[in-house]
C-alpha cells in the first residue's frame, strides 16, 4: 500500500546497509531511510549507488531529504553535487 522500494546489502549473510524510498512524481524519487554500518568503509556510498541505480535510473531527481542539522550528513549530501537545495520552514499557529 505504501509503494515503497527498498534495498539492502549483506556481507557474509549480515545486513550492513539498507535503504527505502518512493517515487513521488514523474521525475523524482525520495529516499526516506538510508542506514549503513559506519565501521564498514564505503557501505553508505554503496547502498546509495545501488539503490539509485535500481530505482531511479530513469528519473531526473533524487530527493535525499533533510540533513537534520548534522554537519557531517550535510557535507556527505553536498558531495553528490545536488541540482538545488531548498530551505526548510515551519509554521506555528499562535
N, C-alpha and C. Protein backbone atom coordinates (compact mmCIF):
# COMPACT_ATOMS: atom_id res chain seq x y z
N UNK A 1 0.80 -1.20 0.00
CA UNK A 1 0.00 0.00 0.00
C UNK A 1 0.85 1.27 0.00
N UNK A 2 2.00 1.23 0.64
CA UNK A 2 2.85 2.42 0.73
C UNK A 2 3.66 2.68 -0.54
N UNK A 3 3.80 1.68 -1.39
CA UNK A 3 4.55 1.80 -2.65
C UNK A 3 6.01 2.15 -2.44
N UNK A 4 6.57 1.72 -1.33
CA UNK A 4 7.99 1.95 -1.06
C UNK A 4 8.83 0.93 -1.81
N UNK A 5 10.00 1.35 -2.21
CA UNK A 5 11.02 0.47 -2.78
C UNK A 5 12.13 0.37 -1.74
N UNK A 6 12.77 -0.76 -1.69
CA UNK A 6 13.82 -0.93 -0.70
C UNK A 6 15.00 -1.69 -1.27
N UNK A 7 16.06 -1.68 -0.53
CA UNK A 7 17.24 -2.43 -0.90
C UNK A 7 18.12 -2.63 0.32
N UNK A 8 18.92 -3.69 0.26
CA UNK A 8 19.88 -3.91 1.34
C UNK A 8 21.12 -4.58 0.79
N UNK A 9 22.17 -4.45 1.54
CA UNK A 9 23.44 -5.08 1.19
C UNK A 9 23.83 -5.99 2.35
N UNK A 10 24.21 -7.20 2.01
CA UNK A 10 24.68 -8.16 3.00
C UNK A 10 26.14 -8.48 2.74
N UNK A 11 26.87 -8.73 3.82
CA UNK A 11 28.23 -9.25 3.76
C UNK A 11 28.26 -10.47 4.67
N UNK A 12 28.61 -11.61 4.09
CA UNK A 12 28.61 -12.87 4.82
C UNK A 12 27.28 -13.13 5.52
N UNK A 13 26.18 -12.78 4.84
CA UNK A 13 24.85 -13.02 5.38
C UNK A 13 24.34 -11.97 6.34
N UNK A 14 25.17 -11.04 6.74
CA UNK A 14 24.78 -9.99 7.69
C UNK A 14 24.45 -8.70 6.95
N UNK A 15 23.29 -8.10 7.28
CA UNK A 15 22.90 -6.84 6.65
C UNK A 15 23.83 -5.74 7.15
N UNK A 16 24.48 -5.05 6.20
CA UNK A 16 25.37 -3.95 6.57
C UNK A 16 24.83 -2.59 6.13
N UNK A 17 23.81 -2.60 5.25
CA UNK A 17 23.24 -1.34 4.78
C UNK A 17 21.85 -1.60 4.22
N UNK A 18 20.97 -0.59 4.37
CA UNK A 18 19.65 -0.70 3.77
C UNK A 18 19.13 0.69 3.45
N UNK A 19 18.16 0.74 2.53
CA UNK A 19 17.58 1.99 2.11
C UNK A 19 16.14 1.76 1.70
N UNK A 20 15.31 2.80 1.83
CA UNK A 20 13.92 2.72 1.40
C UNK A 20 13.47 4.09 0.91
N UNK A 21 12.66 4.09 -0.14
CA UNK A 21 12.16 5.34 -0.68
C UNK A 21 10.99 5.09 -1.61
N UNK A 22 10.55 6.15 -2.26
CA UNK A 22 9.41 6.03 -3.15
C UNK A 22 9.47 7.09 -4.24
N UNK A 23 8.88 6.75 -5.36
CA UNK A 23 8.73 7.71 -6.45
C UNK A 23 7.57 8.62 -6.09
N UNK A 24 7.82 9.95 -6.10
CA UNK A 24 6.76 10.87 -5.68
C UNK A 24 6.10 11.60 -6.85
N UNK A 25 6.72 11.55 -8.02
CA UNK A 25 6.10 12.12 -9.22
C UNK A 25 6.80 11.53 -10.44
N UNK A 26 6.62 12.11 -11.59
CA UNK A 26 7.16 11.52 -12.82
C UNK A 26 8.67 11.57 -12.93
N UNK A 27 9.33 12.42 -12.14
CA UNK A 27 10.78 12.53 -12.30
C UNK A 27 11.59 12.48 -10.99
N UNK A 28 10.96 12.17 -9.86
CA UNK A 28 11.66 12.26 -8.58
C UNK A 28 11.42 11.05 -7.68
N UNK A 29 12.51 10.54 -7.14
CA UNK A 29 12.48 9.51 -6.10
C UNK A 29 12.92 10.18 -4.81
N UNK A 30 12.21 9.92 -3.73
CA UNK A 30 12.62 10.45 -2.43
C UNK A 30 13.13 9.29 -1.58
N UNK A 31 14.30 9.48 -0.99
CA UNK A 31 14.90 8.46 -0.13
C UNK A 31 14.54 8.81 1.31
N UNK A 32 13.72 7.96 1.93
CA UNK A 32 13.27 8.21 3.30
C UNK A 32 14.26 7.68 4.33
N UNK A 33 14.85 6.53 4.05
CA UNK A 33 15.73 5.87 5.01
C UNK A 33 16.99 5.41 4.29
N UNK A 34 18.12 5.67 4.91
CA UNK A 34 19.38 5.13 4.42
C UNK A 34 20.28 4.93 5.63
N UNK A 35 20.57 3.70 5.92
CA UNK A 35 21.41 3.37 7.08
C UNK A 35 22.47 2.38 6.65
N UNK A 36 23.63 2.50 7.25
CA UNK A 36 24.73 1.58 6.95
C UNK A 36 25.65 1.48 8.16
N UNK A 37 26.40 0.42 8.21
CA UNK A 37 27.38 0.23 9.27
C UNK A 37 28.55 1.15 8.98
N UNK A 38 28.71 2.16 9.82
CA UNK A 38 29.76 3.16 9.59
C UNK A 38 31.16 2.59 9.79
N UNK A 39 31.26 1.41 10.37
CA UNK A 39 32.55 0.76 10.53
C UNK A 39 33.02 0.06 9.26
N UNK A 40 32.12 -0.04 8.27
CA UNK A 40 32.48 -0.68 7.01
C UNK A 40 32.66 0.41 5.96
N UNK A 41 33.89 0.63 5.59
CA UNK A 41 34.23 1.70 4.64
C UNK A 41 33.49 1.51 3.31
N UNK A 42 32.81 2.56 2.89
CA UNK A 42 32.10 2.55 1.62
C UNK A 42 30.69 2.00 1.67
N UNK A 43 30.23 1.57 2.84
CA UNK A 43 28.89 0.98 2.94
C UNK A 43 27.80 2.00 2.58
N UNK A 44 27.92 3.22 3.07
CA UNK A 44 26.92 4.24 2.74
C UNK A 44 26.95 4.56 1.25
N UNK A 45 28.12 4.72 0.70
CA UNK A 45 28.23 5.03 -0.72
C UNK A 45 27.67 3.89 -1.57
N UNK A 46 27.91 2.66 -1.16
CA UNK A 46 27.44 1.51 -1.92
C UNK A 46 25.91 1.42 -1.91
N UNK A 47 25.29 1.58 -0.75
CA UNK A 47 23.83 1.48 -0.71
C UNK A 47 23.20 2.64 -1.47
N UNK A 48 23.80 3.80 -1.40
CA UNK A 48 23.30 4.95 -2.15
C UNK A 48 23.36 4.67 -3.65
N UNK A 49 24.51 4.23 -4.13
CA UNK A 49 24.70 3.96 -5.56
C UNK A 49 23.76 2.85 -6.05
N UNK A 50 23.71 1.76 -5.31
CA UNK A 50 22.90 0.62 -5.75
C UNK A 50 21.41 0.92 -5.71
N UNK A 51 20.97 1.59 -4.67
CA UNK A 51 19.55 1.94 -4.58
C UNK A 51 19.17 2.87 -5.73
N UNK A 52 19.98 3.87 -5.99
CA UNK A 52 19.70 4.81 -7.08
C UNK A 52 19.72 4.12 -8.43
N UNK A 53 20.68 3.25 -8.66
CA UNK A 53 20.78 2.60 -9.97
C UNK A 53 19.60 1.68 -10.23
N UNK A 54 19.05 1.10 -9.20
CA UNK A 54 17.92 0.17 -9.36
C UNK A 54 16.56 0.85 -9.37
N UNK A 55 16.42 1.97 -8.68
CA UNK A 55 15.10 2.56 -8.52
C UNK A 55 14.96 3.97 -9.09
N UNK A 56 16.06 4.59 -9.52
CA UNK A 56 15.95 5.96 -10.03
C UNK A 56 16.72 6.17 -11.33
N UNK A 57 17.12 5.11 -11.98
CA UNK A 57 17.94 5.24 -13.19
C UNK A 57 17.28 6.09 -14.27
N UNK A 58 15.97 6.02 -14.39
CA UNK A 58 15.27 6.76 -15.44
C UNK A 58 14.71 8.09 -14.96
N UNK A 59 14.99 8.45 -13.71
CA UNK A 59 14.44 9.68 -13.13
C UNK A 59 15.45 10.81 -13.17
N UNK A 60 14.96 12.03 -13.08
CA UNK A 60 15.82 13.21 -13.13
C UNK A 60 16.39 13.58 -11.76
N UNK A 61 15.60 13.39 -10.70
CA UNK A 61 16.00 13.83 -9.37
C UNK A 61 15.89 12.72 -8.33
N UNK A 62 16.77 12.81 -7.34
CA UNK A 62 16.66 12.00 -6.13
C UNK A 62 16.66 12.98 -4.97
N UNK A 63 15.58 13.00 -4.22
CA UNK A 63 15.47 13.87 -3.05
C UNK A 63 16.02 13.09 -1.86
N UNK A 64 17.10 13.57 -1.28
CA UNK A 64 17.76 12.87 -0.19
C UNK A 64 17.32 13.37 1.18
N UNK A 65 16.29 14.19 1.19
CA UNK A 65 15.68 14.71 2.41
C UNK A 65 16.61 15.60 3.23
N UNK A 66 16.12 15.98 4.38
CA UNK A 66 16.77 16.92 5.28
C UNK A 66 18.02 16.33 5.92
N UNK A 67 19.00 17.18 6.20
CA UNK A 67 20.22 16.71 6.87
C UNK A 67 20.10 16.77 8.39
N UNK A 68 18.95 17.18 8.90
CA UNK A 68 18.65 17.21 10.34
C UNK A 68 19.67 18.01 11.14
N UNK A 69 20.32 18.98 10.49
CA UNK A 69 21.28 19.81 11.19
C UNK A 69 22.62 19.14 11.48
N UNK A 70 22.81 17.93 10.96
CA UNK A 70 24.07 17.20 11.17
C UNK A 70 25.09 17.66 10.13
N UNK A 71 26.16 18.29 10.58
CA UNK A 71 27.15 18.85 9.66
C UNK A 71 27.77 17.77 8.77
N UNK A 72 28.11 16.62 9.34
CA UNK A 72 28.71 15.55 8.55
C UNK A 72 27.76 15.03 7.49
N UNK A 73 26.50 14.89 7.84
CA UNK A 73 25.49 14.43 6.88
C UNK A 73 25.30 15.46 5.79
N UNK A 74 25.31 16.72 6.16
CA UNK A 74 25.18 17.78 5.16
C UNK A 74 26.33 17.74 4.16
N UNK A 75 27.55 17.61 4.66
CA UNK A 75 28.72 17.52 3.77
C UNK A 75 28.62 16.31 2.85
N UNK A 76 28.18 15.19 3.40
CA UNK A 76 28.05 13.97 2.58
C UNK A 76 27.03 14.19 1.47
N UNK A 77 25.91 14.80 1.80
CA UNK A 77 24.88 15.03 0.79
C UNK A 77 25.35 16.05 -0.25
N UNK A 78 26.08 17.05 0.18
CA UNK A 78 26.60 18.04 -0.76
C UNK A 78 27.66 17.44 -1.69
N UNK A 79 28.32 16.37 -1.26
CA UNK A 79 29.35 15.74 -2.10
C UNK A 79 28.76 15.09 -3.35
N UNK A 80 27.44 14.92 -3.38
CA UNK A 80 26.77 14.38 -4.57
C UNK A 80 26.36 15.50 -5.54
N UNK A 81 26.79 16.72 -5.27
CA UNK A 81 26.54 17.88 -6.13
C UNK A 81 25.06 18.02 -6.48
N UNK A 82 24.24 18.36 -5.47
CA UNK A 82 22.80 18.48 -5.73
C UNK A 82 22.48 19.55 -6.77
N UNK A 83 21.44 19.30 -7.55
CA UNK A 83 20.98 20.27 -8.56
C UNK A 83 20.51 21.55 -7.88
N UNK A 84 19.90 21.40 -6.72
CA UNK A 84 19.47 22.56 -5.93
C UNK A 84 19.13 22.08 -4.53
N UNK A 85 19.07 23.03 -3.60
CA UNK A 85 18.67 22.74 -2.23
C UNK A 85 17.57 23.72 -1.85
N UNK A 86 16.64 23.26 -1.04
CA UNK A 86 15.56 24.12 -0.62
C UNK A 86 15.64 24.34 0.88
N UNK A 87 15.29 25.56 1.29
CA UNK A 87 15.23 25.88 2.69
C UNK A 87 14.02 25.18 3.30
N UNK A 88 14.17 24.77 4.53
CA UNK A 88 13.05 24.13 5.23
C UNK A 88 12.46 25.15 6.19
N UNK A 89 11.14 25.21 6.23
CA UNK A 89 10.45 26.16 7.10
C UNK A 89 9.41 25.44 7.94
N UNK A 90 9.05 26.05 9.05
CA UNK A 90 8.00 25.52 9.90
C UNK A 90 7.01 26.65 10.19
N UNK A 91 5.75 26.33 10.23
CA UNK A 91 4.71 27.30 10.55
C UNK A 91 4.12 26.95 11.91
N UNK A 92 3.92 27.98 12.72
CA UNK A 92 3.37 27.78 14.05
C UNK A 92 2.12 28.66 14.19
N UNK A 93 1.06 28.06 14.62
CA UNK A 93 -0.19 28.80 14.83
C UNK A 93 -0.15 29.39 16.23
N UNK A 94 -0.41 30.70 16.32
CA UNK A 94 -0.47 31.37 17.63
C UNK A 94 -1.84 31.32 18.21
